[in-house]
Amino acid sequence: MNKKQLASKVAGRMDITKADAEQMIDCILEEISKALIESQKVRLVGFGNFLVRTRAGRVGRNPQTGEKITIGSSKAPAFVPGINLKKSIKGK
Protein backbone atom coordinates (compact mmCIF):
# COMPACT_ATOMS: atom_id res chain seq x y z
CA MET A 1 0.00 0.00 0.00
CA ASN A 2 1.38 3.43 -0.88
CA LYS A 3 0.52 6.84 0.59
CA LYS A 4 -2.22 7.62 -1.95
CA GLN A 5 -3.93 4.29 -1.29
CA LEU A 6 -3.68 4.85 2.47
CA ALA A 7 -5.14 8.36 2.08
CA SER A 8 -8.00 6.92 0.05
CA LYS A 9 -8.83 4.38 2.78
CA VAL A 10 -8.59 7.02 5.54
CA ALA A 11 -10.80 9.39 3.54
CA GLY A 12 -13.42 6.67 3.13
CA ARG A 13 -13.47 5.79 6.83
CA MET A 14 -13.49 9.38 8.10
CA ASP A 15 -15.80 10.88 5.46
CA ILE A 16 -13.25 13.51 4.38
CA THR A 17 -11.63 14.27 1.03
CA LYS A 18 -8.60 12.34 -0.17
CA ALA A 19 -6.62 15.59 -0.23
CA ASP A 20 -7.45 16.25 3.44
CA ALA A 21 -6.52 12.67 4.36
CA GLU A 22 -3.21 12.94 2.52
CA GLN A 23 -2.51 16.24 4.28
CA MET A 24 -3.20 14.58 7.66
CA ILE A 25 -0.86 11.71 6.84
CA ASP A 26 1.86 14.15 5.73
CA CYS A 27 1.45 16.08 8.98
CA ILE A 28 1.68 12.93 11.12
CA LEU A 29 4.79 11.70 9.31
CA GLU A 30 6.40 15.13 9.56
CA GLU A 31 5.83 15.26 13.32
CA ILE A 32 7.23 11.74 13.78
CA SER A 33 10.28 12.74 11.73
CA LYS A 34 10.82 15.92 13.79
CA ALA A 35 10.67 13.93 17.03
CA LEU A 36 13.19 11.38 15.73
CA ILE A 37 15.54 14.15 14.57
CA GLU A 38 15.46 15.41 18.17
CA SER A 39 16.21 11.82 19.35
CA GLN A 40 12.78 11.51 20.96
CA LYS A 41 10.88 8.24 21.09
CA VAL A 42 7.40 8.20 19.50
CA ARG A 43 5.03 5.75 21.21
CA LEU A 44 1.80 4.73 19.54
CA VAL A 45 0.18 2.44 22.11
CA GLY A 46 -0.99 -0.80 20.54
CA PHE A 47 0.85 -0.11 17.27
CA GLY A 48 4.52 0.35 18.15
CA ASN A 49 7.40 2.68 18.87
CA PHE A 50 9.58 4.75 16.56
CA LEU A 51 13.04 5.48 17.94
CA VAL A 52 16.59 6.34 16.96
CA ARG A 53 19.29 3.73 17.50
CA THR A 54 22.97 4.61 17.66
CA ARG A 55 25.38 2.22 16.00
CA ALA A 56 28.83 2.11 17.54
CA GLY A 57 31.90 2.81 15.44
CA ARG A 58 33.93 -0.19 14.35
CA VAL A 59 36.87 -1.31 12.27
CA GLY A 60 36.07 -2.79 8.88
CA ARG A 61 37.99 -3.89 5.81
CA ASN A 62 38.06 -2.54 2.29
CA PRO A 63 36.90 -5.56 0.24
CA GLN A 64 39.12 -4.65 -2.72
CA THR A 65 42.39 -4.07 -0.89
CA GLY A 66 41.84 -5.79 2.46
CA GLU A 67 43.02 -2.59 4.15
CA LYS A 68 41.55 -1.82 7.59
CA ILE A 69 39.27 1.19 7.69
CA THR A 70 37.48 2.93 10.53
CA ILE A 71 33.70 3.10 10.25
CA GLY A 72 32.30 5.90 12.41
CA SER A 73 29.28 5.67 14.67
CA SER A 74 25.92 6.51 13.14
CA LYS A 75 22.27 6.98 14.00
CA ALA A 76 19.44 5.10 12.32
CA PRO A 77 15.65 5.21 12.72
CA ALA A 78 13.98 2.04 13.98
CA PHE A 79 10.47 0.73 14.52
CA VAL A 80 9.55 -1.72 17.26
CA PRO A 81 6.09 -3.22 16.73
CA GLY A 82 3.66 -3.24 19.66
CA ILE A 83 2.12 -6.37 21.09
CA ASN A 84 -1.30 -5.73 19.54
CA LEU A 85 0.23 -5.35 16.07
CA LYS A 86 2.25 -8.54 16.54
CA LYS A 87 -0.86 -10.45 17.62
CA SER A 88 -2.86 -9.09 14.66
CA ILE A 89 -0.24 -10.23 12.19
CA LYS A 90 0.03 -13.67 13.79
CA GLY A 91 -3.75 -14.00 13.57
CA LYS A 92 -4.42 -14.35 17.29
PDB file of N, CA and C in Angstrom:
ATOM      1  N   MET A   1       0.853  -1.170   0.000  1.00  0.00           N
ATOM      2  CA  MET A   1       0.000   0.000   0.000  1.00  0.00           C
ATOM      3  C   MET A   1       0.900   1.235   0.000  1.00  0.00           C
ATOM      4  N   ASN A   2       0.620   2.177  -0.863  1.00  0.00           N
ATOM      5  CA  ASN A   2       1.382   3.426  -0.883  1.00  0.00           C
ATOM      6  C   ASN A   2       0.576   4.536  -0.188  1.00  0.00           C
ATOM      7  N   LYS A   3       1.156   5.739  -0.144  1.00  0.00           N
ATOM      8  CA  LYS A   3       0.518   6.837   0.594  1.00  0.00           C
ATOM      9  C   LYS A   3      -0.826   7.233  -0.006  1.00  0.00           C
ATOM     10  N   LYS A   4      -0.946   7.249  -1.322  1.00  0.00           N
ATOM     11  CA  LYS A   4      -2.222   7.618  -1.952  1.00  0.00           C
ATOM     12  C   LYS A   4      -3.306   6.595  -1.620  1.00  0.00           C
ATOM     13  N   GLN A   5      -2.953   5.324  -1.631  1.00  0.00           N
ATOM     14  CA  GLN A   5      -3.928   4.285  -1.288  1.00  0.00           C
ATOM     15  C   GLN A   5      -4.337   4.394   0.179  1.00  0.00           C
ATOM     16  N   LEU A   6      -3.370   4.663   1.054  1.00  0.00           N
ATOM     17  CA  LEU A   6      -3.680   4.848   2.468  1.00  0.00           C
ATOM     18  C   LEU A   6      -4.598   6.049   2.663  1.00  0.00           C
ATOM     19  N   ALA A   7      -4.304   7.153   1.982  1.00  0.00           N
ATOM     20  CA  ALA A   7      -5.137   8.359   2.081  1.00  0.00           C
ATOM     21  C   ALA A   7      -6.555   8.071   1.605  1.00  0.00           C
ATOM     22  N   SER A   8      -6.679   7.281   0.569  1.00  0.00           N
ATOM     23  CA  SER A   8      -7.999   6.923   0.048  1.00  0.00           C
ATOM     24  C   SER A   8      -8.793   6.130   1.087  1.00  0.00           C
ATOM     25  N   LYS A   9      -8.147   5.183   1.757  1.00  0.00           N
ATOM     26  CA  LYS A   9      -8.829   4.384   2.784  1.00  0.00           C
ATOM     27  C   LYS A   9      -9.210   5.243   3.988  1.00  0.00           C
ATOM     28  N   VAL A  10      -8.303   6.125   4.410  1.00  0.00           N
ATOM     29  CA  VAL A  10      -8.589   7.017   5.541  1.00  0.00           C
ATOM     30  C   VAL A  10      -9.749   7.942   5.193  1.00  0.00           C
ATOM     31  N   ALA A  11      -9.728   8.489   3.981  1.00  0.00           N
ATOM     32  CA  ALA A  11     -10.804   9.390   3.544  1.00  0.00           C
ATOM     33  C   ALA A  11     -12.148   8.676   3.574  1.00  0.00           C
ATOM     34  N   GLY A  12     -12.183   7.440   3.128  1.00  0.00           N
ATOM     35  CA  GLY A  12     -13.420   6.668   3.131  1.00  0.00           C
ATOM     36  C   GLY A  12     -13.947   6.392   4.526  1.00  0.00           C
ATOM     37  N   ARG A  13     -13.050   6.104   5.454  1.00  0.00           N
ATOM     38  CA  ARG A  13     -13.471   5.794   6.829  1.00  0.00           C
ATOM     39  C   ARG A  13     -13.865   7.030   7.609  1.00  0.00           C
ATOM     40  N   MET A  14     -13.245   8.176   7.303  1.00  0.00           N
ATOM     41  CA  MET A  14     -13.494   9.381   8.099  1.00  0.00           C
ATOM     42  C   MET A  14     -14.429  10.361   7.412  1.00  0.00           C
ATOM     43  N   ASP A  15     -14.886  10.022   6.221  1.00  0.00           N
ATOM     44  CA  ASP A  15     -15.796  10.884   5.464  1.00  0.00           C
ATOM     45  C   ASP A  15     -15.184  12.276   5.231  1.00  0.00           C
ATOM     46  N   ILE A  16     -13.943  12.278   4.750  1.00  0.00           N
ATOM     47  CA  ILE A  16     -13.248  13.510   4.376  1.00  0.00           C
ATOM     48  C   ILE A  16     -12.696  13.322   2.964  1.00  0.00           C
ATOM     49  N   THR A  17     -12.177  14.382   2.389  1.00  0.00           N
ATOM     50  CA  THR A  17     -11.630  14.272   1.028  1.00  0.00           C
ATOM     51  C   THR A  17     -10.279  13.557   1.073  1.00  0.00           C
ATOM     52  N   LYS A  18      -9.894  13.003  -0.078  1.00  0.00           N
ATOM     53  CA  LYS A  18      -8.598  12.339  -0.172  1.00  0.00           C
ATOM     54  C   LYS A  18      -7.463  13.330   0.060  1.00  0.00           C
ATOM     55  N   ALA A  19      -7.647  14.557  -0.417  1.00  0.00           N
ATOM     56  CA  ALA A  19      -6.622  15.593  -0.225  1.00  0.00           C
ATOM     57  C   ALA A  19      -6.437  15.903   1.258  1.00  0.00           C
ATOM     58  N   ASP A  20      -7.540  15.987   1.997  1.00  0.00           N
ATOM     59  CA  ASP A  20      -7.452  16.246   3.435  1.00  0.00           C
ATOM     60  C   ASP A  20      -6.780  15.071   4.157  1.00  0.00           C
ATOM     61  N   ALA A  21      -7.121  13.862   3.753  1.00  0.00           N
ATOM     62  CA  ALA A  21      -6.522  12.672   4.361  1.00  0.00           C
ATOM     63  C   ALA A  21      -5.028  12.626   4.083  1.00  0.00           C
ATOM     64  N   GLU A  22      -4.634  12.947   2.860  1.00  0.00           N
ATOM     65  CA  GLU A  22      -3.214  12.939   2.516  1.00  0.00           C
ATOM     66  C   GLU A  22      -2.467  14.013   3.308  1.00  0.00           C
ATOM     67  N   GLN A  23      -3.108  15.163   3.496  1.00  0.00           N
ATOM     68  CA  GLN A  23      -2.511  16.240   4.276  1.00  0.00           C
ATOM     69  C   GLN A  23      -2.331  15.815   5.737  1.00  0.00           C
ATOM     70  N   MET A  24      -3.310  15.089   6.290  1.00  0.00           N
ATOM     71  CA  MET A  24      -3.203  14.578   7.660  1.00  0.00           C
ATOM     72  C   MET A  24      -2.048  13.597   7.779  1.00  0.00           C
ATOM     73  N   ILE A  25      -1.935  12.694   6.823  1.00  0.00           N
ATOM     74  CA  ILE A  25      -0.856  11.707   6.837  1.00  0.00           C
ATOM     75  C   ILE A  25       0.500  12.405   6.756  1.00  0.00           C
ATOM     76  N   ASP A  26       0.614  13.390   5.861  1.00  0.00           N
ATOM     77  CA  ASP A  26       1.862  14.151   5.735  1.00  0.00           C
ATOM     78  C   ASP A  26       2.229  14.821   7.054  1.00  0.00           C
ATOM     79  N   CYS A  27       1.236  15.393   7.714  1.00  0.00           N
ATOM     80  CA  CYS A  27       1.449  16.084   8.984  1.00  0.00           C
ATOM     81  C   CYS A  27       1.934  15.095  10.057  1.00  0.00           C
ATOM     82  N   ILE A  28       1.299  13.946  10.134  1.00  0.00           N
ATOM     83  CA  ILE A  28       1.685  12.925  11.120  1.00  0.00           C
ATOM     84  C   ILE A  28       3.113  12.466  10.873  1.00  0.00           C
ATOM     85  N   LEU A  29       3.444  12.163   9.628  1.00  0.00           N
ATOM     86  CA  LEU A  29       4.789  11.703   9.305  1.00  0.00           C
ATOM     87  C   LEU A  29       5.839  12.777   9.571  1.00  0.00           C
ATOM     88  N   GLU A  30       5.488  14.014   9.309  1.00  0.00           N
ATOM     89  CA  GLU A  30       6.405  15.128   9.560  1.00  0.00           C
ATOM     90  C   GLU A  30       6.687  15.268  11.055  1.00  0.00           C
ATOM     91  N   GLU A  31       5.650  15.145  11.881  1.00  0.00           N
ATOM     92  CA  GLU A  31       5.834  15.263  13.325  1.00  0.00           C
ATOM     93  C   GLU A  31       6.642  14.086  13.880  1.00  0.00           C
ATOM     94  N   ILE A  32       6.427  12.888  13.362  1.00  0.00           N
ATOM     95  CA  ILE A  32       7.229  11.737  13.780  1.00  0.00           C
ATOM     96  C   ILE A  32       8.689  11.974  13.399  1.00  0.00           C
ATOM     97  N   SER A  33       8.923  12.463  12.185  1.00  0.00           N
ATOM     98  CA  SER A  33      10.283  12.744  11.727  1.00  0.00           C
ATOM     99  C   SER A  33      10.962  13.788  12.602  1.00  0.00           C
ATOM    100  N   LYS A  34      10.252  14.862  12.937  1.00  0.00           N
ATOM    101  CA  LYS A  34      10.819  15.916  13.788  1.00  0.00           C
ATOM    102  C   LYS A  34      11.219  15.350  15.153  1.00  0.00           C
ATOM    103  N   ALA A  35      10.370  14.515  15.724  1.00  0.00           N
ATOM    104  CA  ALA A  35      10.667  13.925  17.026  1.00  0.00           C
ATOM    105  C   ALA A  35      11.906  13.041  16.940  1.00  0.00           C
ATOM    106  N   LEU A  36      12.026  12.249  15.882  1.00  0.00           N
ATOM    107  CA  LEU A  36      13.188  11.379  15.732  1.00  0.00           C
ATOM    108  C   LEU A  36      14.463  12.187  15.522  1.00  0.00           C
ATOM    109  N   ILE A  37      14.376  13.281  14.777  1.00  0.00           N
ATOM    110  CA  ILE A  37      15.539  14.145  14.566  1.00  0.00           C
ATOM    111  C   ILE A  37      16.037  14.685  15.911  1.00  0.00           C
ATOM    112  N   GLU A  38      15.116  14.934  16.826  1.00  0.00           N
ATOM    113  CA  GLU A  38      15.465  15.411  18.169  1.00  0.00           C
ATOM    114  C   GLU A  38      15.766  14.258  19.123  1.00  0.00           C
ATOM    115  N   SER A  39      15.920  13.041  18.582  1.00  0.00           N
ATOM    116  CA  SER A  39      16.213  11.819  19.349  1.00  0.00           C
ATOM    117  C   SER A  39      15.138  11.482  20.373  1.00  0.00           C
ATOM    118  N   GLN A  40      13.897  11.861  20.094  1.00  0.00           N
ATOM    119  CA  GLN A  40      12.782  11.513  20.964  1.00  0.00           C
ATOM    120  C   GLN A  40      12.166  10.199  20.482  1.00  0.00           C
ATOM    121  N   LYS A  41      11.583   9.473  21.408  1.00  0.00           N
ATOM    122  CA  LYS A  41      10.880   8.239  21.091  1.00  0.00           C
ATOM    123  C   LYS A  41       9.418   8.571  20.832  1.00  0.00           C
ATOM    124  N   VAL A  42       8.820   7.992  19.806  1.00  0.00           N
ATOM    125  CA  VAL A  42       7.404   8.198  19.500  1.00  0.00           C
ATOM    126  C   VAL A  42       6.676   6.896  19.809  1.00  0.00           C
ATOM    127  N   ARG A  43       5.764   6.947  20.788  1.00  0.00           N
ATOM    128  CA  ARG A  43       5.033   5.750  21.215  1.00  0.00           C
ATOM    129  C   ARG A  43       3.593   5.832  20.735  1.00  0.00           C
ATOM    130  N   LEU A  44       3.192   4.856  19.971  1.00  0.00           N
ATOM    131  CA  LEU A  44       1.803   4.731  19.543  1.00  0.00           C
ATOM    132  C   LEU A  44       1.285   3.440  20.174  1.00  0.00           C
ATOM    133  N   VAL A  45       0.618   3.588  21.317  1.00  0.00           N
ATOM    134  CA  VAL A  45       0.185   2.444  22.105  1.00  0.00           C
ATOM    135  C   VAL A  45      -0.647   1.500  21.253  1.00  0.00           C
ATOM    136  N   GLY A  46      -0.291   0.222  21.298  1.00  0.00           N
ATOM    137  CA  GLY A  46      -0.988  -0.801  20.536  1.00  0.00           C
ATOM    138  C   GLY A  46      -0.430  -0.993  19.136  1.00  0.00           C
ATOM    139  N   PHE A  47       0.282  -0.002  18.622  1.00  0.00           N
ATOM    140  CA  PHE A  47       0.855  -0.105  17.271  1.00  0.00           C
ATOM    141  C   PHE A  47       2.351  -0.348  17.336  1.00  0.00           C
ATOM    142  N   GLY A  48       3.084   0.532  18.026  1.00  0.00           N
ATOM    143  CA  GLY A  48       4.522   0.347  18.146  1.00  0.00           C
ATOM    144  C   GLY A  48       5.238   1.637  18.490  1.00  0.00           C
ATOM    145  N   ASN A  49       6.561   1.551  18.507  1.00  0.00           N
ATOM    146  CA  ASN A  49       7.402   2.680  18.869  1.00  0.00           C
ATOM    147  C   ASN A  49       8.382   2.992  17.744  1.00  0.00           C
ATOM    148  N   PHE A  50       8.554   4.277  17.479  1.00  0.00           N
ATOM    149  CA  PHE A  50       9.583   4.751  16.563  1.00  0.00           C
ATOM    150  C   PHE A  50      10.692   5.318  17.435  1.00  0.00           C
ATOM    151  N   LEU A  51      11.935   4.982  17.143  1.00  0.00           N
ATOM    152  CA  LEU A  51      13.043   5.475  17.936  1.00  0.00           C
ATOM    153  C   LEU A  51      14.295   5.578  17.078  1.00  0.00           C
ATOM    154  N   VAL A  52      15.312   6.209  17.644  1.00  0.00           N
ATOM    155  CA  VAL A  52      16.594   6.341  16.963  1.00  0.00           C
ATOM    156  C   VAL A  52      17.597   5.459  17.686  1.00  0.00           C
ATOM    157  N   ARG A  53      18.258   4.596  16.931  1.00  0.00           N
ATOM    158  CA  ARG A  53      19.293   3.735  17.498  1.00  0.00           C
ATOM    159  C   ARG A  53      20.655   4.262  17.066  1.00  0.00           C
ATOM    160  N   THR A  54      21.609   4.186  17.978  1.00  0.00           N
ATOM    161  CA  THR A  54      22.971   4.613  17.664  1.00  0.00           C
ATOM    162  C   THR A  54      23.820   3.369  17.444  1.00  0.00           C
ATOM    163  N   ARG A  55      24.479   3.329  16.305  1.00  0.00           N
ATOM    164  CA  ARG A  55      25.381   2.222  16.000  1.00  0.00           C
ATOM    165  C   ARG A  55      26.797   2.647  16.387  1.00  0.00           C
ATOM    166  N   ALA A  56      27.476   1.802  17.097  1.00  0.00           N
ATOM    167  CA  ALA A  56      28.834   2.106  17.535  1.00  0.00           C
ATOM    168  C   ALA A  56      29.790   2.074  16.344  1.00  0.00           C
ATOM    169  N   GLY A  57      30.863   2.845  16.467  1.00  0.00           N
ATOM    170  CA  GLY A  57      31.902   2.814  15.442  1.00  0.00           C
ATOM    171  C   GLY A  57      32.621   1.471  15.488  1.00  0.00           C
ATOM    172  N   ARG A  58      33.236   1.094  14.391  1.00  0.00           N
ATOM    173  CA  ARG A  58      33.929  -0.193  14.346  1.00  0.00           C
ATOM    174  C   ARG A  58      35.021  -0.150  13.277  1.00  0.00           C
ATOM    175  N   VAL A  59      35.826  -1.181  13.278  1.00  0.00           N
ATOM    176  CA  VAL A  59      36.869  -1.308  12.272  1.00  0.00           C
ATOM    177  C   VAL A  59      36.382  -2.299  11.227  1.00  0.00           C
ATOM    178  N   GLY A  60      36.475  -1.911   9.975  1.00  0.00           N
ATOM    179  CA  GLY A  60      36.068  -2.787   8.880  1.00  0.00           C
ATOM    180  C   GLY A  60      37.228  -2.978   7.925  1.00  0.00           C
ATOM    181  N   ARG A  61      36.961  -3.655   6.818  1.00  0.00           N
ATOM    182  CA  ARG A  61      37.994  -3.888   5.813  1.00  0.00           C
ATOM    183  C   ARG A  61      37.481  -3.462   4.447  1.00  0.00           C
ATOM    184  N   ASN A  62      38.358  -2.856   3.679  1.00  0.00           N
ATOM    185  CA  ASN A  62      38.055  -2.537   2.291  1.00  0.00           C
ATOM    186  C   ASN A  62      38.061  -3.852   1.526  1.00  0.00           C
ATOM    187  N   PRO A  63      36.951  -4.254   0.902  1.00  0.00           N
ATOM    188  CA  PRO A  63      36.895  -5.560   0.238  1.00  0.00           C
ATOM    189  C   PRO A  63      37.846  -5.689  -0.953  1.00  0.00           C
ATOM    190  N   GLN A  64      38.224  -4.586  -1.552  1.00  0.00           N
ATOM    191  CA  GLN A  64      39.117  -4.651  -2.717  1.00  0.00           C
ATOM    192  C   GLN A  64      40.580  -4.799  -2.317  1.00  0.00           C
ATOM    193  N   THR A  65      40.977  -4.076  -1.266  1.00  0.00           N
ATOM    194  CA  THR A  65      42.394  -4.074  -0.894  1.00  0.00           C
ATOM    195  C   THR A  65      42.674  -4.855   0.385  1.00  0.00           C
ATOM    196  N   GLY A  66      41.653  -5.121   1.182  1.00  0.00           N
ATOM    197  CA  GLY A  66      41.843  -5.793   2.457  1.00  0.00           C
ATOM    198  C   GLY A  66      42.348  -4.863   3.549  1.00  0.00           C
ATOM    199  N   GLU A  67      42.519  -3.584   3.208  1.00  0.00           N
ATOM    200  CA  GLU A  67      43.017  -2.589   4.150  1.00  0.00           C
ATOM    201  C   GLU A  67      41.985  -2.323   5.241  1.00  0.00           C
ATOM    202  N   LYS A  68      42.453  -2.143   6.477  1.00  0.00           N
ATOM    203  CA  LYS A  68      41.554  -1.823   7.588  1.00  0.00           C
ATOM    204  C   LYS A  68      41.097  -0.375   7.452  1.00  0.00           C
ATOM    205  N   ILE A  69      39.821  -0.157   7.705  1.00  0.00           N
ATOM    206  CA  ILE A  69      39.270   1.194   7.692  1.00  0.00           C
ATOM    207  C   ILE A  69      38.415   1.385   8.943  1.00  0.00           C
ATOM    208  N   THR A  70      38.304   2.619   9.375  1.00  0.00           N
ATOM    209  CA  THR A  70      37.479   2.933  10.534  1.00  0.00           C
ATOM    210  C   THR A  70      36.114   3.392  10.054  1.00  0.00           C
ATOM    211  N   ILE A  71      35.088   2.745  10.570  1.00  0.00           N
ATOM    212  CA  ILE A  71      33.703   3.102  10.250  1.00  0.00           C
ATOM    213  C   ILE A  71      33.157   3.829  11.472  1.00  0.00           C
ATOM    214  N   GLY A  72      32.767   5.081  11.293  1.00  0.00           N
ATOM    215  CA  GLY A  72      32.295   5.896  12.406  1.00  0.00           C
ATOM    216  C   GLY A  72      30.938   5.471  12.929  1.00  0.00           C
ATOM    217  N   SER A  73      30.601   5.956  14.108  1.00  0.00           N
ATOM    218  CA  SER A  73      29.281   5.668  14.669  1.00  0.00           C
ATOM    219  C   SER A  73      28.224   6.402  13.851  1.00  0.00           C
ATOM    220  N   SER A  74      27.007   5.898  13.902  1.00  0.00           N
ATOM    221  CA  SER A  74      25.916   6.515  13.138  1.00  0.00           C
ATOM    222  C   SER A  74      24.602   6.319  13.871  1.00  0.00           C
ATOM    223  N   LYS A  75      23.618   7.092  13.450  1.00  0.00           N
ATOM    224  CA  LYS A  75      22.267   6.978  13.998  1.00  0.00           C
ATOM    225  C   LYS A  75      21.347   6.472  12.900  1.00  0.00           C
ATOM    226  N   ALA A  76      20.380   5.635  13.288  1.00  0.00           N
ATOM    227  CA  ALA A  76      19.438   5.096  12.317  1.00  0.00           C
ATOM    228  C   ALA A  76      18.049   5.010  12.950  1.00  0.00           C
ATOM    229  N   PRO A  77      17.003   5.352  12.180  1.00  0.00           N
ATOM    230  CA  PRO A  77      15.653   5.207  12.717  1.00  0.00           C
ATOM    231  C   PRO A  77      15.276   3.730  12.819  1.00  0.00           C
ATOM    232  N   ALA A  78      14.427   3.425  13.796  1.00  0.00           N
ATOM    233  CA  ALA A  78      13.985   2.043  13.983  1.00  0.00           C
ATOM    234  C   ALA A  78      12.518   2.033  14.389  1.00  0.00           C
ATOM    235  N   PHE A  79      11.866   0.919  14.119  1.00  0.00           N
ATOM    236  CA  PHE A  79      10.470   0.728  14.524  1.00  0.00           C
ATOM    237  C   PHE A  79      10.383  -0.576  15.286  1.00  0.00           C
ATOM    238  N   VAL A  80       9.767  -0.527  16.457  1.00  0.00           N
ATOM    239  CA  VAL A  80       9.549  -1.719  17.264  1.00  0.00           C
ATOM    240  C   VAL A  80       8.040  -1.932  17.333  1.00  0.00           C
ATOM    241  N   PRO A  81       7.534  -3.012  16.724  1.00  0.00           N
ATOM    242  CA  PRO A  81       6.087  -3.221  16.725  1.00  0.00           C
ATOM    243  C   PRO A  81       5.545  -3.497  18.128  1.00  0.00           C
ATOM    244  N   GLY A  82       4.323  -3.013  18.381  1.00  0.00           N
ATOM    245  CA  GLY A  82       3.657  -3.238  19.655  1.00  0.00           C
ATOM    246  C   GLY A  82       3.039  -4.618  19.709  1.00  0.00           C
ATOM    247  N   ILE A  83       2.661  -5.024  20.902  1.00  0.00           N
ATOM    248  CA  ILE A  83       2.123  -6.372  21.091  1.00  0.00           C
ATOM    249  C   ILE A  83       0.817  -6.590  20.322  1.00  0.00           C
ATOM    250  N   ASN A  84      -0.040  -5.570  20.262  1.00  0.00           N
ATOM    251  CA  ASN A  84      -1.300  -5.728  19.537  1.00  0.00           C
ATOM    252  C   ASN A  84      -1.054  -5.917  18.038  1.00  0.00           C
ATOM    253  N   LEU A  85      -0.105  -5.201  17.487  1.00  0.00           N
ATOM    254  CA  LEU A  85       0.232  -5.350  16.072  1.00  0.00           C
ATOM    255  C   LEU A  85       0.796  -6.740  15.809  1.00  0.00           C
ATOM    256  N   LYS A  86       1.671  -7.197  16.690  1.00  0.00           N
ATOM    257  CA  LYS A  86       2.253  -8.538  16.537  1.00  0.00           C
ATOM    258  C   LYS A  86       1.156  -9.604  16.555  1.00  0.00           C
ATOM    259  N   LYS A  87       0.231  -9.487  17.519  1.00  0.00           N
ATOM    260  CA  LYS A  87      -0.858 -10.454  17.616  1.00  0.00           C
ATOM    261  C   LYS A  87      -1.749 -10.418  16.371  1.00  0.00           C
ATOM    262  N   SER A  88      -2.030  -9.223  15.854  1.00  0.00           N
ATOM    263  CA  SER A  88      -2.864  -9.093  14.665  1.00  0.00           C
ATOM    264  C   SER A  88      -2.228  -9.797  13.473  1.00  0.00           C
ATOM    265  N   ILE A  89      -0.935  -9.629  13.314  1.00  0.00           N
ATOM    266  CA  ILE A  89      -0.243 -10.232  12.187  1.00  0.00           C
ATOM    267  C   ILE A  89      -0.177 -11.745  12.314  1.00  0.00           C
ATOM    268  N   LYS A  90      -0.009 -12.214  13.548  1.00  0.00           N
ATOM    269  CA  LYS A  90       0.035 -13.668  13.786  1.00  0.00           C
ATOM    270  C   LYS A  90      -1.340 -14.305  13.670  1.00  0.00           C
ATOM    271  N   GLY A  91      -2.391 -13.468  13.685  1.00  0.00           N
ATOM    272  CA  GLY A  91      -3.754 -13.996  13.568  1.00  0.00           C
ATOM    273  C   GLY A  91      -4.350 -14.459  14.866  1.00  0.00           C
ATOM    274  N   LYS A  92      -3.888 -13.926  15.982  1.00  0.00           N
ATOM    275  CA  LYS A  92      -4.418 -14.348  17.291  1.00  0.00           C
ATOM    276  C   LYS A  92      -5.371 -13.313  17.831  1.00  0.00           C
TER     277      LYS A  92
END
